[in-house]
N, C-alpha and C. Protein backbone atom coordinates (compact mmCIF):
# COMPACT_ATOMS: atom_id res chain seq x y z
N MET A 1 0.83 -1.18 0.00
CA MET A 1 0.00 0.00 0.00
C MET A 1 0.88 1.24 0.00
N ASP A 2 0.52 2.19 -0.81
CA ASP A 2 1.20 3.47 -0.82
C ASP A 2 0.80 4.21 0.45
N ASP A 3 1.79 4.53 1.28
CA ASP A 3 1.51 5.13 2.59
C ASP A 3 0.80 6.47 2.49
N LYS A 4 1.18 7.30 1.53
CA LYS A 4 0.54 8.62 1.41
C LYS A 4 -0.92 8.49 0.97
N ILE A 5 -1.17 7.59 0.05
CA ILE A 5 -2.55 7.33 -0.40
C ILE A 5 -3.37 6.80 0.78
N ARG A 6 -2.81 5.85 1.50
CA ARG A 6 -3.51 5.27 2.65
C ARG A 6 -3.79 6.33 3.70
N GLU A 7 -2.83 7.20 3.98
CA GLU A 7 -3.03 8.26 4.96
C GLU A 7 -4.17 9.18 4.56
N ARG A 8 -4.19 9.57 3.29
CA ARG A 8 -5.27 10.43 2.80
C ARG A 8 -6.62 9.72 2.88
N TYR A 9 -6.62 8.45 2.53
CA TYR A 9 -7.85 7.65 2.59
C TYR A 9 -8.38 7.58 4.01
N VAL A 10 -7.51 7.26 4.95
CA VAL A 10 -7.92 7.14 6.35
C VAL A 10 -8.39 8.49 6.89
N LYS A 11 -7.74 9.55 6.47
CA LYS A 11 -8.15 10.89 6.91
C LYS A 11 -9.60 11.19 6.49
N VAL A 12 -9.95 10.85 5.26
CA VAL A 12 -11.32 11.05 4.78
C VAL A 12 -12.25 10.11 5.53
N LEU A 13 -11.86 8.87 5.68
CA LEU A 13 -12.68 7.87 6.37
C LEU A 13 -12.96 8.27 7.81
N ARG A 14 -12.00 8.86 8.47
CA ARG A 14 -12.15 9.28 9.88
C ARG A 14 -13.32 10.23 10.08
N ASN A 15 -13.71 10.96 9.05
CA ASN A 15 -14.85 11.87 9.16
C ASN A 15 -16.17 11.13 9.38
N TYR A 16 -16.16 9.83 9.14
CA TYR A 16 -17.40 9.04 9.19
C TYR A 16 -17.41 7.97 10.27
N ILE A 17 -16.32 7.79 10.98
CA ILE A 17 -16.25 6.70 11.94
C ILE A 17 -15.99 7.21 13.35
N ASN A 18 -16.21 6.34 14.29
CA ASN A 18 -15.97 6.63 15.70
C ASN A 18 -14.49 6.93 15.90
N SER A 19 -14.20 8.04 16.54
CA SER A 19 -12.80 8.46 16.72
C SER A 19 -12.03 7.53 17.65
N GLU A 20 -12.72 6.67 18.37
CA GLU A 20 -12.05 5.76 19.29
C GLU A 20 -11.47 4.53 18.60
N ILE A 21 -11.82 4.33 17.35
CA ILE A 21 -11.29 3.18 16.61
C ILE A 21 -9.82 3.43 16.30
N LYS A 22 -8.99 2.48 16.66
CA LYS A 22 -7.55 2.61 16.44
C LYS A 22 -7.23 2.54 14.95
N GLU A 23 -6.27 3.33 14.53
CA GLU A 23 -5.91 3.37 13.11
C GLU A 23 -5.49 2.00 12.59
N ASP A 24 -4.80 1.23 13.41
CA ASP A 24 -4.36 -0.11 12.99
C ASP A 24 -5.53 -1.04 12.72
N ASP A 25 -6.68 -0.76 13.32
CA ASP A 25 -7.85 -1.63 13.17
C ASP A 25 -8.76 -1.24 12.00
N ILE A 26 -8.67 0.00 11.56
CA ILE A 26 -9.62 0.53 10.58
C ILE A 26 -9.72 -0.34 9.33
N MET A 27 -8.60 -0.69 8.75
CA MET A 27 -8.62 -1.40 7.48
C MET A 27 -9.15 -2.83 7.61
N GLU A 28 -9.18 -3.36 8.81
CA GLU A 28 -9.63 -4.74 9.01
C GLU A 28 -11.11 -4.84 9.37
N LEU A 29 -11.77 -3.73 9.60
CA LEU A 29 -13.17 -3.75 10.02
C LEU A 29 -14.11 -3.57 8.83
N ASN A 30 -15.30 -4.18 8.96
CA ASN A 30 -16.28 -3.97 7.89
C ASN A 30 -17.01 -2.65 8.13
N MET A 31 -17.74 -2.21 7.14
CA MET A 31 -18.39 -0.90 7.22
C MET A 31 -19.37 -0.82 8.39
N GLU A 32 -20.07 -1.89 8.66
CA GLU A 32 -21.01 -1.90 9.79
C GLU A 32 -20.27 -1.70 11.10
N GLU A 33 -19.15 -2.38 11.27
CA GLU A 33 -18.35 -2.23 12.49
C GLU A 33 -17.79 -0.82 12.63
N LEU A 34 -17.56 -0.17 11.49
CA LEU A 34 -17.07 1.21 11.52
C LEU A 34 -18.19 2.22 11.75
N GLY A 35 -19.44 1.75 11.66
CA GLY A 35 -20.58 2.64 11.85
C GLY A 35 -20.98 3.37 10.58
N ILE A 36 -20.62 2.82 9.44
CA ILE A 36 -20.93 3.46 8.16
C ILE A 36 -22.13 2.74 7.53
N ASP A 37 -23.24 3.46 7.44
CA ASP A 37 -24.44 2.91 6.82
C ASP A 37 -24.47 3.28 5.33
N SER A 38 -25.54 2.95 4.64
CA SER A 38 -25.60 3.18 3.19
C SER A 38 -25.55 4.66 2.85
N PHE A 39 -26.18 5.50 3.65
CA PHE A 39 -26.15 6.93 3.39
C PHE A 39 -24.73 7.49 3.57
N LYS A 40 -24.09 7.10 4.65
CA LYS A 40 -22.70 7.54 4.88
C LYS A 40 -21.77 7.00 3.80
N SER A 41 -22.05 5.80 3.29
CA SER A 41 -21.22 5.21 2.23
C SER A 41 -21.21 6.09 0.99
N ILE A 42 -22.37 6.61 0.63
CA ILE A 42 -22.46 7.48 -0.55
C ILE A 42 -21.72 8.78 -0.30
N GLN A 43 -21.90 9.35 0.88
CA GLN A 43 -21.18 10.58 1.21
C GLN A 43 -19.67 10.35 1.19
N LEU A 44 -19.25 9.23 1.76
CA LEU A 44 -17.83 8.88 1.79
C LEU A 44 -17.29 8.73 0.38
N LEU A 45 -18.03 8.06 -0.47
CA LEU A 45 -17.61 7.86 -1.85
C LEU A 45 -17.40 9.20 -2.55
N ILE A 46 -18.31 10.13 -2.37
CA ILE A 46 -18.18 11.46 -2.97
C ILE A 46 -16.96 12.18 -2.43
N ASP A 47 -16.75 12.11 -1.13
CA ASP A 47 -15.58 12.76 -0.53
C ASP A 47 -14.28 12.16 -1.06
N LEU A 48 -14.26 10.86 -1.28
CA LEU A 48 -13.06 10.23 -1.84
C LEU A 48 -12.84 10.67 -3.28
N GLU A 49 -13.91 10.78 -4.04
CA GLU A 49 -13.77 11.25 -5.42
C GLU A 49 -13.19 12.66 -5.46
N VAL A 50 -13.64 13.51 -4.56
CA VAL A 50 -13.12 14.88 -4.50
C VAL A 50 -11.68 14.89 -4.03
N GLU A 51 -11.38 14.17 -2.95
CA GLU A 51 -10.03 14.15 -2.39
C GLU A 51 -8.99 13.65 -3.40
N PHE A 52 -9.35 12.63 -4.15
CA PHE A 52 -8.39 12.01 -5.06
C PHE A 52 -8.59 12.40 -6.52
N ASP A 53 -9.59 13.27 -6.78
CA ASP A 53 -9.88 13.72 -8.13
C ASP A 53 -10.06 12.53 -9.08
N VAL A 54 -10.93 11.63 -8.67
CA VAL A 54 -11.25 10.44 -9.46
C VAL A 54 -12.77 10.28 -9.51
N GLU A 55 -13.20 9.33 -10.32
CA GLU A 55 -14.62 9.01 -10.36
C GLU A 55 -14.78 7.49 -10.37
N PHE A 56 -15.54 6.99 -9.41
CA PHE A 56 -15.86 5.57 -9.38
C PHE A 56 -16.86 5.32 -10.50
N THR A 57 -16.57 4.37 -11.36
CA THR A 57 -17.47 4.06 -12.47
C THR A 57 -18.69 3.32 -11.96
N ASP A 58 -19.76 3.39 -12.73
CA ASP A 58 -20.99 2.68 -12.36
C ASP A 58 -20.75 1.20 -12.17
N SER A 59 -19.88 0.63 -13.00
CA SER A 59 -19.62 -0.81 -12.91
C SER A 59 -18.90 -1.19 -11.60
N MET A 60 -18.24 -0.23 -10.98
CA MET A 60 -17.54 -0.50 -9.71
C MET A 60 -18.49 -0.46 -8.51
N LEU A 61 -19.60 0.23 -8.67
CA LEU A 61 -20.51 0.45 -7.55
C LEU A 61 -21.34 -0.80 -7.27
N SER A 62 -20.81 -1.61 -6.38
CA SER A 62 -21.48 -2.85 -6.01
C SER A 62 -21.38 -3.02 -4.50
N MET A 63 -22.12 -3.96 -3.98
CA MET A 63 -22.08 -4.23 -2.55
C MET A 63 -20.68 -4.65 -2.12
N GLU A 64 -19.95 -5.33 -3.00
CA GLU A 64 -18.61 -5.79 -2.67
C GLU A 64 -17.65 -4.63 -2.39
N LEU A 65 -17.86 -3.51 -3.08
CA LEU A 65 -17.01 -2.34 -2.88
C LEU A 65 -17.15 -1.81 -1.45
N PHE A 66 -18.34 -1.93 -0.88
CA PHE A 66 -18.63 -1.35 0.42
C PHE A 66 -18.64 -2.34 1.57
N VAL A 67 -18.01 -3.49 1.38
CA VAL A 67 -17.97 -4.50 2.44
C VAL A 67 -17.13 -4.02 3.62
N SER A 68 -15.98 -3.46 3.32
CA SER A 68 -15.05 -3.08 4.39
C SER A 68 -14.24 -1.85 3.97
N ALA A 69 -13.52 -1.32 4.93
CA ALA A 69 -12.62 -0.20 4.63
C ALA A 69 -11.57 -0.64 3.62
N ARG A 70 -11.11 -1.87 3.74
CA ARG A 70 -10.10 -2.37 2.81
C ARG A 70 -10.66 -2.55 1.40
N SER A 71 -11.87 -3.06 1.27
CA SER A 71 -12.43 -3.27 -0.07
C SER A 71 -12.64 -1.93 -0.78
N LEU A 72 -13.05 -0.92 -0.05
CA LEU A 72 -13.22 0.40 -0.65
C LEU A 72 -11.86 0.99 -1.02
N TYR A 73 -10.88 0.78 -0.17
CA TYR A 73 -9.51 1.24 -0.45
C TYR A 73 -8.96 0.54 -1.70
N ASP A 74 -9.19 -0.75 -1.81
CA ASP A 74 -8.73 -1.50 -2.98
C ASP A 74 -9.40 -0.97 -4.24
N GLY A 75 -10.70 -0.68 -4.15
CA GLY A 75 -11.41 -0.11 -5.30
C GLY A 75 -10.84 1.24 -5.70
N LEU A 76 -10.54 2.05 -4.71
CA LEU A 76 -9.94 3.35 -4.99
C LEU A 76 -8.61 3.18 -5.71
N ASN A 77 -7.81 2.25 -5.25
CA ASN A 77 -6.50 2.02 -5.88
C ASN A 77 -6.63 1.55 -7.32
N GLN A 78 -7.73 0.91 -7.66
CA GLN A 78 -7.92 0.47 -9.05
C GLN A 78 -8.07 1.64 -10.01
N ILE A 79 -8.55 2.77 -9.51
CA ILE A 79 -8.80 3.90 -10.41
C ILE A 79 -7.76 5.01 -10.27
N LEU A 80 -6.82 4.83 -9.38
CA LEU A 80 -5.76 5.84 -9.24
C LEU A 80 -4.68 5.63 -10.28
């Protein structure tokens, strides 16, 4: 993982999760465990598109993308 990309990703993600979650744990938790519901997922996706100046394609938008912090991060890396 590119450390700078990961840092930026986690910084955006932190806006949506409980601040008590340790950074080392974030990537291993699923979205439900992070407290991210479907509405927050869409907001998060938009914030990531703005932060990284990318666009998630319609074909990428699936339930699998939003399973966990890691799956969303992996999807982001596919378009960077």
